[in-house]
Amino acid sequence: MKSRVVLLSSFAFLGMMVVSTFEVGAEVRVVGGVTPDRRPEGSPTLSSFDLDRKRALHGISKPYPTSIEHWLDDQGAWFTPFNHPGMSHPYDIRNWHGKSDG
């Protein structure tokens, strides 16, 4: 008897989960569709991008490694944490946050 109650309550819970995933009258929105390689019409586009090389090379001593130079050339407009201050002392190896008394 006890196992039957557990089984019935499990089915009831499963049924509620299935029904609650479908909204009545909800608009169907396709994310990727059949052309995930193309941007949707009317979506914003990047018209220009200027890399602040001085900021990107902050805390790196000269002569700059060629690998860093090439990487910056190829980075483009993609976000990278390399151009932004990270954690503070003692993890601030590029001295973004200034000198500390550590």
PDB file of N, CA and C in Angstrom:
ATOM      1  N   MET A   1       0.819  -1.183   0.000  1.00  0.00           N
ATOM      2  CA  MET A   1       0.000   0.000   0.000  1.00  0.00           C
ATOM      3  C   MET A   1       0.872   1.260   0.000  1.00  0.00           C
ATOM      4  N   LYS A   2       1.931   1.242   0.839  1.00  0.00           N
ATOM      5  CA  LYS A   2       2.807   2.401   0.951  1.00  0.00           C
ATOM      6  C   LYS A   2       3.529   2.668  -0.373  1.00  0.00           C
ATOM      7  N   SER A   3       3.997   1.621  -1.050  1.00  0.00           N
ATOM      8  CA  SER A   3       4.703   1.793  -2.316  1.00  0.00           C
ATOM      9  C   SER A   3       3.763   2.322  -3.396  1.00  0.00           C
ATOM     10  N   ARG A   4       2.480   1.945  -3.326  1.00  0.00           N
ATOM     11  CA  ARG A   4       1.505   2.439  -4.298  1.00  0.00           C
ATOM     12  C   ARG A   4       1.288   3.943  -4.115  1.00  0.00           C
ATOM     13  N   VAL A   5       1.254   4.422  -2.878  1.00  0.00           N
ATOM     14  CA  VAL A   5       1.085   5.853  -2.599  1.00  0.00           C
ATOM     15  C   VAL A   5       2.298   6.624  -3.106  1.00  0.00           C
ATOM     16  N   VAL A   6       3.487   6.097  -2.870  1.00  0.00           N
ATOM     17  CA  VAL A   6       4.708   6.749  -3.340  1.00  0.00           C
ATOM     18  C   VAL A   6       4.725   6.787  -4.863  1.00  0.00           C
ATOM     19  N   LEU A   7       4.335   5.686  -5.492  1.00  0.00           N
ATOM     20  CA  LEU A   7       4.301   5.625  -6.942  1.00  0.00           C
ATOM     21  C   LEU A   7       3.290   6.609  -7.525  1.00  0.00           C
ATOM     22  N   LEU A   8       2.090   6.673  -6.943  1.00  0.00           N
ATOM     23  CA  LEU A   8       1.071   7.605  -7.425  1.00  0.00           C
ATOM     24  C   LEU A   8       1.493   9.055  -7.222  1.00  0.00           C
ATOM     25  N   SER A   9       2.099   9.369  -6.083  1.00  0.00           N
ATOM     26  CA  SER A   9       2.542  10.750  -5.847  1.00  0.00           C
ATOM     27  C   SER A   9       3.695  11.108  -6.777  1.00  0.00           C
ATOM     28  N   SER A  10       4.525  10.150  -7.130  1.00  0.00           N
ATOM     29  CA  SER A  10       5.613  10.412  -8.079  1.00  0.00           C
ATOM     30  C   SER A  10       5.047  10.716  -9.457  1.00  0.00           C
ATOM     31  N   PHE A  11       4.039   9.952  -9.882  1.00  0.00           N
ATOM     32  CA  PHE A  11       3.395  10.216 -11.166  1.00  0.00           C
ATOM     33  C   PHE A  11       2.694  11.570 -11.165  1.00  0.00           C
ATOM     34  N   ALA A  12       2.064  11.909 -10.052  1.00  0.00           N
ATOM     35  CA  ALA A  12       1.378  13.198  -9.956  1.00  0.00           C
ATOM     36  C   ALA A  12       2.382  14.341 -10.069  1.00  0.00           C
ATOM     37  N   PHE A  13       3.511  14.219  -9.396  1.00  0.00           N
ATOM     38  CA  PHE A  13       4.551  15.244  -9.464  1.00  0.00           C
ATOM     39  C   PHE A  13       5.099  15.360 -10.887  1.00  0.00           C
ATOM     40  N   LEU A  14       5.360  14.241 -11.511  1.00  0.00           N
ATOM     41  CA  LEU A  14       5.869  14.234 -12.885  1.00  0.00           C
ATOM     42  C   LEU A  14       4.860  14.893 -13.828  1.00  0.00           C
ATOM     43  N   GLY A  15       3.587  14.572 -13.645  1.00  0.00           N
ATOM     44  CA  GLY A  15       2.548  15.176 -14.465  1.00  0.00           C
ATOM     45  C   GLY A  15       2.484  16.682 -14.294  1.00  0.00           C
ATOM     46  N   MET A  16       2.613  17.164 -13.057  1.00  0.00           N
ATOM     47  CA  MET A  16       2.610  18.611 -12.814  1.00  0.00           C
ATOM     48  C   MET A  16       3.801  19.277 -13.484  1.00  0.00           C
ATOM     49  N   MET A  17       4.948  18.629 -13.446  1.00  0.00           N
ATOM     50  CA  MET A  17       6.152  19.206 -14.056  1.00  0.00           C
ATOM     51  C   MET A  17       5.987  19.312 -15.568  1.00  0.00           C
ATOM     52  N   VAL A  18       5.423  18.292 -16.197  1.00  0.00           N
ATOM     53  CA  VAL A  18       5.232  18.298 -17.645  1.00  0.00           C
ATOM     54  C   VAL A  18       4.234  19.370 -18.035  1.00  0.00           C
ATOM     55  N   VAL A  19       3.123  19.446 -17.327  1.00  0.00           N
ATOM     56  CA  VAL A  19       2.092  20.430 -17.653  1.00  0.00           C
ATOM     57  C   VAL A  19       2.590  21.843 -17.405  1.00  0.00           C
ATOM     58  N   SER A  20       3.361  22.067 -16.349  1.00  0.00           N
ATOM     59  CA  SER A  20       3.814  23.427 -16.029  1.00  0.00           C
ATOM     60  C   SER A  20       4.869  23.943 -17.002  1.00  0.00           C
ATOM     61  N   THR A  21       5.473  23.082 -17.801  1.00  0.00           N
ATOM     62  CA  THR A  21       6.481  23.554 -18.753  1.00  0.00           C
ATOM     63  C   THR A  21       5.853  24.156 -19.989  1.00  0.00           C
ATOM     64  N   PHE A  22       4.570  23.914 -20.209  1.00  0.00           N
ATOM     65  CA  PHE A  22       3.879  24.448 -21.376  1.00  0.00           C
ATOM     66  C   PHE A  22       2.946  25.569 -20.940  1.00  0.00           C
ATOM     67  N   GLU A  23       3.161  26.759 -21.475  1.00  0.00           N
ATOM     68  CA  GLU A  23       2.278  27.872 -21.180  1.00  0.00           C
ATOM     69  C   GLU A  23       1.198  27.921 -22.243  1.00  0.00           C
ATOM     70  N   VAL A  24       0.009  28.184 -21.826  1.00  0.00           N
ATOM     71  CA  VAL A  24      -1.097  28.273 -22.768  1.00  0.00           C
ATOM     72  C   VAL A  24      -0.981  29.582 -23.535  1.00  0.00           C
ATOM     73  N   GLY A  25      -0.952  29.487 -24.848  1.00  0.00           N
ATOM     74  CA  GLY A  25      -0.896  30.681 -25.683  1.00  0.00           C
ATOM     75  C   GLY A  25       0.461  31.359 -25.711  1.00  0.00           C
ATOM     76  N   ALA A  26       1.505  30.680 -25.282  1.00  0.00           N
ATOM     77  CA  ALA A  26       2.834  31.292 -25.267  1.00  0.00           C
ATOM     78  C   ALA A  26       3.375  31.415 -26.684  1.00  0.00           C
ATOM     79  N   GLU A  27       4.079  32.507 -26.941  1.00  0.00           N
ATOM     80  CA  GLU A  27       4.688  32.723 -28.257  1.00  0.00           C
ATOM     81  C   GLU A  27       5.905  31.827 -28.401  1.00  0.00           C
ATOM     82  N   VAL A  28       6.002  31.161 -29.521  1.00  0.00           N
ATOM     83  CA  VAL A  28       7.139  30.287 -29.783  1.00  0.00           C
ATOM     84  C   VAL A  28       8.260  31.139 -30.350  1.00  0.00           C
ATOM     85  N   ARG A  29       9.427  31.112 -29.699  1.00  0.00           N
ATOM     86  CA  ARG A  29      10.583  31.876 -30.154  1.00  0.00           C
ATOM     87  C   ARG A  29      11.708  30.915 -30.474  1.00  0.00           C
ATOM     88  N   VAL A  30      12.203  30.979 -31.688  1.00  0.00           N
ATOM     89  CA  VAL A  30      13.289  30.111 -32.116  1.00  0.00           C
ATOM     90  C   VAL A  30      14.601  30.848 -31.882  1.00  0.00           C
ATOM     91  N   VAL A  31      15.522  30.202 -31.203  1.00  0.00           N
ATOM     92  CA  VAL A  31      16.807  30.830 -30.919  1.00  0.00           C
ATOM     93  C   VAL A  31      17.774  30.629 -32.073  1.00  0.00           C
ATOM     94  N   GLY A  32      18.054  29.406 -32.447  1.00  0.00           N
ATOM     95  CA  GLY A  32      19.009  29.136 -33.514  1.00  0.00           C
ATOM     96  C   GLY A  32      18.345  28.946 -34.859  1.00  0.00           C
ATOM     97  N   GLY A  33      17.239  28.263 -34.839  1.00  0.00           N
ATOM     98  CA  GLY A  33      16.515  28.016 -36.073  1.00  0.00           C
ATOM     99  C   GLY A  33      17.296  27.131 -37.024  1.00  0.00           C
ATOM    100  N   VAL A  34      16.969  27.245 -38.292  1.00  0.00           N
ATOM    101  CA  VAL A  34      17.629  26.426 -39.296  1.00  0.00           C
ATOM    102  C   VAL A  34      18.827  27.150 -39.903  1.00  0.00           C
ATOM    103  N   THR A  35      19.070  28.399 -39.489  1.00  0.00           N
ATOM    104  CA  THR A  35      20.211  29.173 -40.001  1.00  0.00           C
ATOM    105  C   THR A  35      20.988  29.796 -38.833  1.00  0.00           C
ATOM    106  N   PRO A  36      21.572  28.981 -37.967  1.00  0.00           N
ATOM    107  CA  PRO A  36      22.285  29.550 -36.816  1.00  0.00           C
ATOM    108  C   PRO A  36      23.569  30.289 -37.203  1.00  0.00           C
ATOM    109  N   ASP A  37      23.997  30.156 -38.459  1.00  0.00           N
ATOM    110  CA  ASP A  37      25.209  30.832 -38.914  1.00  0.00           C
ATOM    111  C   ASP A  37      24.939  32.261 -39.374  1.00  0.00           C
ATOM    112  N   ARG A  38      23.682  32.700 -39.379  1.00  0.00           N
ATOM    113  CA  ARG A  38      23.331  34.046 -39.832  1.00  0.00           C
ATOM    114  C   ARG A  38      22.673  34.830 -38.713  1.00  0.00           C
ATOM    115  N   ARG A  39      22.977  36.115 -38.658  1.00  0.00           N
ATOM    116  CA  ARG A  39      22.356  36.986 -37.658  1.00  0.00           C
ATOM    117  C   ARG A  39      20.936  37.315 -38.077  1.00  0.00           C
ATOM    118  N   PRO A  40      20.028  37.432 -37.115  1.00  0.00           N
ATOM    119  CA  PRO A  40      18.661  37.811 -37.458  1.00  0.00           C
ATOM    120  C   PRO A  40      18.623  39.221 -38.052  1.00  0.00           C
ATOM    121  N   GLU A  41      17.680  39.450 -38.948  1.00  0.00           N
ATOM    122  CA  GLU A  41      17.558  40.775 -39.544  1.00  0.00           C
ATOM    123  C   GLU A  41      17.184  41.784 -38.473  1.00  0.00           C
ATOM    124  N   GLY A  42      17.810  42.969 -38.552  1.00  0.00           N
ATOM    125  CA  GLY A  42      17.527  44.019 -37.593  1.00  0.00           C
ATOM    126  C   GLY A  42      18.345  43.936 -36.316  1.00  0.00           C
ATOM    127  N   SER A  43      19.192  42.918 -36.171  1.00  0.00           N
ATOM    128  CA  SER A  43      20.006  42.825 -34.963  1.00  0.00           C
ATOM    129  C   SER A  43      21.153  43.826 -35.052  1.00  0.00           C
ATOM    130  N   PRO A  44      21.624  44.324 -33.915  1.00  0.00           N
ATOM    131  CA  PRO A  44      22.687  45.332 -33.944  1.00  0.00           C
ATOM    132  C   PRO A  44      23.988  44.773 -34.505  1.00  0.00           C
ATOM    133  N   THR A  45      24.744  45.629 -35.168  1.00  0.00           N
ATOM    134  CA  THR A  45      26.037  45.242 -35.714  1.00  0.00           C
ATOM    135  C   THR A  45      27.101  46.217 -35.240  1.00  0.00           C
ATOM    136  N   LEU A  46      28.317  45.760 -35.168  1.00  0.00           N
ATOM    137  CA  LEU A  46      29.442  46.582 -34.755  1.00  0.00           C
ATOM    138  C   LEU A  46      29.982  47.306 -35.974  1.00  0.00           C
ATOM    139  N   SER A  47      29.996  48.643 -35.916  1.00  0.00           N
ATOM    140  CA  SER A  47      30.439  49.396 -37.090  1.00  0.00           C
ATOM    141  C   SER A  47      31.920  49.753 -37.024  1.00  0.00           C
ATOM    142  N   SER A  48      32.458  49.951 -35.813  1.00  0.00           N
ATOM    143  CA  SER A  48      33.889  50.237 -35.700  1.00  0.00           C
ATOM    144  C   SER A  48      34.372  49.825 -34.319  1.00  0.00           C
ATOM    145  N   PHE A  49      35.668  49.566 -34.232  1.00  0.00           N
ATOM    146  CA  PHE A  49      36.268  49.183 -32.950  1.00  0.00           C
ATOM    147  C   PHE A  49      37.705  49.661 -32.922  1.00  0.00           C
ATOM    148  N   ASP A  50      38.062  50.363 -31.874  1.00  0.00           N
ATOM    149  CA  ASP A  50      39.441  50.828 -31.683  1.00  0.00           C
ATOM    150  C   ASP A  50      39.981  50.227 -30.391  1.00  0.00           C
ATOM    151  N   LEU A  51      41.015  49.422 -30.502  1.00  0.00           N
ATOM    152  CA  LEU A  51      41.632  48.794 -29.343  1.00  0.00           C
ATOM    153  C   LEU A  51      42.568  49.787 -28.665  1.00  0.00           C
ATOM    154  N   ASP A  52      42.416  49.949 -27.377  1.00  0.00           N
ATOM    155  CA  ASP A  52      43.312  50.800 -26.595  1.00  0.00           C
ATOM    156  C   ASP A  52      44.532  49.953 -26.226  1.00  0.00           C
ATOM    157  N   ARG A  53      45.541  49.973 -27.085  1.00  0.00           N
ATOM    158  CA  ARG A  53      46.718  49.122 -26.886  1.00  0.00           C
ATOM    159  C   ARG A  53      47.459  49.471 -25.603  1.00  0.00           C
ATOM    160  N   LYS A  54      47.506  50.749 -25.256  1.00  0.00           N
ATOM    161  CA  LYS A  54      48.210  51.157 -24.037  1.00  0.00           C
ATOM    162  C   LYS A  54      47.552  50.517 -22.812  1.00  0.00           C
ATOM    163  N   ARG A  55      46.224  50.536 -22.787  1.00  0.00           N
ATOM    164  CA  ARG A  55      45.503  49.924 -21.670  1.00  0.00           C
ATOM    165  C   ARG A  55      45.685  48.402 -21.679  1.00  0.00           C
ATOM    166  N   ALA A  56      45.643  47.806 -22.858  1.00  0.00           N
ATOM    167  CA  ALA A  56      45.773  46.356 -22.956  1.00  0.00           C
ATOM    168  C   ALA A  56      47.163  45.878 -22.529  1.00  0.00           C
ATOM    169  N   LEU A  57      48.173  46.705 -22.751  1.00  0.00           N
ATOM    170  CA  LEU A  57      49.547  46.319 -22.409  1.00  0.00           C
ATOM    171  C   LEU A  57      49.972  46.843 -21.035  1.00  0.00           C
ATOM    172  N   HIS A  58      49.032  47.392 -20.286  1.00  0.00           N
ATOM    173  CA  HIS A  58      49.329  47.923 -18.947  1.00  0.00           C
ATOM    174  C   HIS A  58      49.944  46.825 -18.066  1.00  0.00           C
ATOM    175  N   GLY A  59      51.040  47.145 -17.439  1.00  0.00           N
ATOM    176  CA  GLY A  59      51.673  46.222 -16.511  1.00  0.00           C
ATOM    177  C   GLY A  59      52.564  45.177 -17.147  1.00  0.00           C
ATOM    178  N   ILE A  60      52.735  45.238 -18.449  1.00  0.00           N
ATOM    179  CA  ILE A  60      53.626  44.303 -19.142  1.00  0.00           C
ATOM    180  C   ILE A  60      54.862  45.092 -19.546  1.00  0.00           C
ATOM    181  N   SER A  61      56.029  44.603 -19.161  1.00  0.00           N
ATOM    182  CA  SER A  61      57.263  45.357 -19.421  1.00  0.00           C
ATOM    183  C   SER A  61      57.711  45.189 -20.867  1.00  0.00           C
ATOM    184  N   LYS A  62      58.378  46.246 -21.341  1.00  0.00           N
ATOM    185  CA  LYS A  62      58.931  46.249 -22.701  1.00  0.00           C
ATOM    186  C   LYS A  62      60.227  45.473 -22.698  1.00  0.00           C
ATOM    187  N   PRO A  63      60.609  44.851 -23.749  1.00  0.00           N
ATOM    188  CA  PRO A  63      59.909  44.690 -25.015  1.00  0.00           C
ATOM    189  C   PRO A  63      58.738  43.726 -24.839  1.00  0.00           C
ATOM    190  N   TYR A  64      57.617  44.082 -25.435  1.00  0.00           N
ATOM    191  CA  TYR A  64      56.421  43.250 -25.327  1.00  0.00           C
ATOM    192  C   TYR A  64      56.645  41.932 -26.063  1.00  0.00           C
ATOM    193  N   PRO A  65      56.210  40.837 -25.482  1.00  0.00           N
ATOM    194  CA  PRO A  65      56.325  39.549 -26.181  1.00  0.00           C
ATOM    195  C   PRO A  65      55.544  39.581 -27.493  1.00  0.00           C
ATOM    196  N   THR A  66      56.109  39.035 -28.533  1.00  0.00           N
ATOM    197  CA  THR A  66      55.429  39.043 -29.828  1.00  0.00           C
ATOM    198  C   THR A  66      54.120  38.255 -29.776  1.00  0.00           C
ATOM    199  N   SER A  67      54.059  37.264 -28.911  1.00  0.00           N
ATOM    200  CA  SER A  67      52.818  36.498 -28.802  1.00  0.00           C
ATOM    201  C   SER A  67      51.678  37.389 -28.295  1.00  0.00           C
ATOM    202  N   ILE A  68      51.984  38.290 -27.371  1.00  0.00           N
ATOM    203  CA  ILE A  68      50.970  39.223 -26.858  1.00  0.00           C
ATOM    204  C   ILE A  68      50.569  40.202 -27.951  1.00  0.00           C
ATOM    205  N   GLU A  69      51.534  40.706 -28.686  1.00  0.00           N
ATOM    206  CA  GLU A  69      51.255  41.644 -29.772  1.00  0.00           C
ATOM    207  C   GLU A  69      50.342  41.003 -30.819  1.00  0.00           C
ATOM    208  N   HIS A  70      50.666  39.793 -31.231  1.00  0.00           N
ATOM    209  CA  HIS A  70      49.847  39.097 -32.229  1.00  0.00           C
ATOM    210  C   HIS A  70      48.460  38.787 -31.689  1.00  0.00           C
ATOM    211  N   TRP A  71      48.395  38.408 -30.428  1.00  0.00           N
ATOM    212  CA  TRP A  71      47.112  38.096 -29.814  1.00  0.00           C
ATOM    213  C   TRP A  71      46.219  39.334 -29.786  1.00  0.00           C
ATOM    214  N   LEU A  72      46.785  40.474 -29.451  1.00  0.00           N
ATOM    215  CA  LEU A  72      46.001  41.709 -29.442  1.00  0.00           C
ATOM    216  C   LEU A  72      45.517  42.071 -30.836  1.00  0.00           C
ATOM    217  N   ASP A  73      46.347  41.827 -31.850  1.00  0.00           N
ATOM    218  CA  ASP A  73      45.924  42.096 -33.222  1.00  0.00           C
ATOM    219  C   ASP A  73      44.743  41.219 -33.625  1.00  0.00           C
ATOM    220  N   ASP A  74      44.719  39.998 -33.152  1.00  0.00           N
ATOM    221  CA  ASP A  74      43.672  39.052 -33.522  1.00  0.00           C
ATOM    222  C   ASP A  74      42.450  39.115 -32.607  1.00  0.00           C
ATOM    223  N   GLN A  75      42.562  39.796 -31.467  1.00  0.00           N
ATOM    224  CA  GLN A  75      41.486  39.823 -30.478  1.00  0.00           C
ATOM    225  C   GLN A  75      40.230  40.499 -31.015  1.00  0.00           C
ATOM    226  N   GLY A  76      40.403  41.590 -31.719  1.00  0.00           N
ATOM    227  CA  GLY A  76      39.243  42.294 -32.265  1.00  0.00           C
ATOM    228  C   GLY A  76      38.354  42.857 -31.180  1.00  0.00           C
ATOM    229  N   ALA A  77      37.058  42.871 -31.431  1.00  0.00           N
ATOM    230  CA  ALA A  77      36.106  43.479 -30.513  1.00  0.00           C
ATOM    231  C   ALA A  77      35.557  42.497 -29.488  1.00  0.00           C
ATOM    232  N   TRP A  78      36.094  41.288 -29.446  1.00  0.00           N
ATOM    233  CA  TRP A  78      35.620  40.328 -28.458  1.00  0.00           C
ATOM    234  C   TRP A  78      35.981  40.799 -27.060  1.00  0.00           C
ATOM    235  N   PHE A  79      35.107  40.538 -26.077  1.00  0.00           N
ATOM    236  CA  PHE A  79      35.409  40.903 -24.698  1.00  0.00           C
ATOM    237  C   PHE A  79      36.547  40.033 -24.185  1.00  0.00           C
ATOM    238  N   THR A  80      37.428  40.651 -23.437  1.00  0.00           N
ATOM    239  CA  THR A  80      38.482  39.917 -22.773  1.00  0.00           C
ATOM    240  C   THR A  80      38.765  40.569 -21.429  1.00  0.00           C
ATOM    241  N   PRO A  81      38.968  39.806 -20.379  1.00  0.00           N
ATOM    242  CA  PRO A  81      39.311  40.397 -19.094  1.00  0.00           C
ATOM    243  C   PRO A  81      40.735  40.945 -19.083  1.00  0.00           C
ATOM    244  N   PHE A  82      41.476  40.695 -20.146  1.00  0.00           N
ATOM    245  CA  PHE A  82      42.866  41.146 -20.237  1.00  0.00           C
ATOM    246  C   PHE A  82      42.975  42.671 -20.235  1.00  0.00           C
ATOM    247  N   ASN A  83      41.917  43.375 -20.665  1.00  0.00           N
ATOM    248  CA  ASN A  83      41.936  44.834 -20.755  1.00  0.00           C
ATOM    249  C   ASN A  83      41.377  45.516 -19.518  1.00  0.00           C
ATOM    250  N   HIS A  84      40.998  44.756 -18.495  1.00  0.00           N
ATOM    251  CA  HIS A  84      40.329  45.319 -17.325  1.00  0.00           C
ATOM    252  C   HIS A  84      41.053  44.907 -16.050  1.00  0.00           C
ATOM    253  N   PRO A  85      41.007  45.772 -15.044  1.00  0.00           N
ATOM    254  CA  PRO A  85      41.627  45.405 -13.764  1.00  0.00           C
ATOM    255  C   PRO A  85      40.974  44.159 -13.182  1.00  0.00           C
ATOM    256  N   GLY A  86      41.786  43.331 -12.603  1.00  0.00           N
ATOM    257  CA  GLY A  86      41.274  42.115 -11.996  1.00  0.00           C
ATOM    258  C   GLY A  86      41.269  42.228 -10.483  1.00  0.00           C
ATOM    259  N   MET A  87      41.751  41.201  -9.826  1.00  0.00           N
ATOM    260  CA  MET A  87      41.759  41.167  -8.366  1.00  0.00           C
ATOM    261  C   MET A  87      42.837  42.099  -7.815  1.00  0.00           C
ATOM    262  N   SER A  88      42.667  42.470  -6.580  1.00  0.00           N
ATOM    263  CA  SER A  88      43.628  43.357  -5.926  1.00  0.00           C
ATOM    264  C   SER A  88      44.776  42.549  -5.318  1.00  0.00           C
ATOM    265  N   HIS A  89      45.659  43.235  -4.590  1.00  0.00           N
ATOM    266  CA  HIS A  89      46.824  42.625  -3.956  1.00  0.00           C
ATOM    267  C   HIS A  89      46.392  41.407  -3.156  1.00  0.00           C
ATOM    268  N   PRO A  90      47.095  40.343  -3.169  1.00  0.00           N
ATOM    269  CA  PRO A  90      48.403  40.042  -3.739  1.00  0.00           C
ATOM    270  C   PRO A  90      48.330  39.449  -5.141  1.00  0.00           C
ATOM    271  N   TYR A  91      47.155  39.418  -5.751  1.00  0.00           N
ATOM    272  CA  TYR A  91      47.002  38.780  -7.048  1.00  0.00           C
ATOM    273  C   TYR A  91      47.149  39.749  -8.216  1.00  0.00           C
ATOM    274  N   ASP A  92      47.364  41.013  -7.925  1.00  0.00           N
ATOM    275  CA  ASP A  92      47.446  42.054  -8.950  1.00  0.00           C
ATOM    276  C   ASP A  92      48.857  42.091  -9.533  1.00  0.00           C
ATOM    277  N   ILE A  93      49.187  41.147 -10.417  1.00  0.00           N
ATOM    278  CA  ILE A  93      50.551  41.053 -10.942  1.00  0.00           C
ATOM    279  C   ILE A  93      50.850  42.125 -11.979  1.00  0.00           C
ATOM    280  N   ARG A  94      49.807  42.786 -12.515  1.00  0.00           N
ATOM    281  CA  ARG A  94      50.028  43.840 -13.507  1.00  0.00           C
ATOM    282  C   ARG A  94      49.855  45.230 -12.909  1.00  0.00           C
ATOM    283  N   ASN A  95      49.713  45.305 -11.602  1.00  0.00           N
ATOM    284  CA  ASN A  95      49.644  46.572 -10.858  1.00  0.00           C
ATOM    285  C   ASN A  95      48.520  47.492 -11.355  1.00  0.00           C
ATOM    286  N   TRP A  96      47.359  46.924 -11.615  1.00  0.00           N
ATOM    287  CA  TRP A  96      46.211  47.722 -12.032  1.00  0.00           C
ATOM    288  C   TRP A  96      45.714  48.618 -10.908  1.00  0.00           C
ATOM    289  N   HIS A  97      45.838  48.151  -9.683  1.00  0.00           N
ATOM    290  CA  HIS A  97      45.272  48.868  -8.545  1.00  0.00           C
ATOM    291  C   HIS A  97      46.281  49.742  -7.808  1.00  0.00           C
ATOM    292  N   GLY A  98      47.464  49.914  -8.358  1.00  0.00           N
ATOM    293  CA  GLY A  98      48.481  50.756  -7.729  1.00  0.00           C
ATOM    294  C   GLY A  98      49.311  50.003  -6.725  1.00  0.00           C
ATOM    295  N   LYS A  99      50.317  50.684  -6.224  1.00  0.00           N
ATOM    296  CA  LYS A  99      51.207  50.066  -5.235  1.00  0.00           C
ATOM    297  C   LYS A  99      50.469  49.819  -3.936  1.00  0.00           C
ATOM    298  N   SER A 100      50.814  48.728  -3.272  1.00  0.00           N
ATOM    299  CA  SER A 100      50.203  48.416  -1.990  1.00  0.00           C
ATOM    300  C   SER A 100      51.300  48.140  -0.987  1.00  0.00           C
ATOM    301  N   ASP A 101      50.937  48.145   0.282  1.00  0.00           N
ATOM    302  CA  ASP A 101      51.909  47.939   1.361  1.00  0.00           C
ATOM    303  C   ASP A 101      51.983  46.459   1.748  1.00  0.00           C
ATOM    304  N   GLY A 102      51.848  45.573   0.778  1.00  0.00           N
ATOM    305  CA  GLY A 102      51.819  44.150   1.070  1.00  0.00           C
ATOM    306  C   GLY A 102      53.156  43.584   1.118  1.00  0.00           C
TER     307      GLY A 102
END
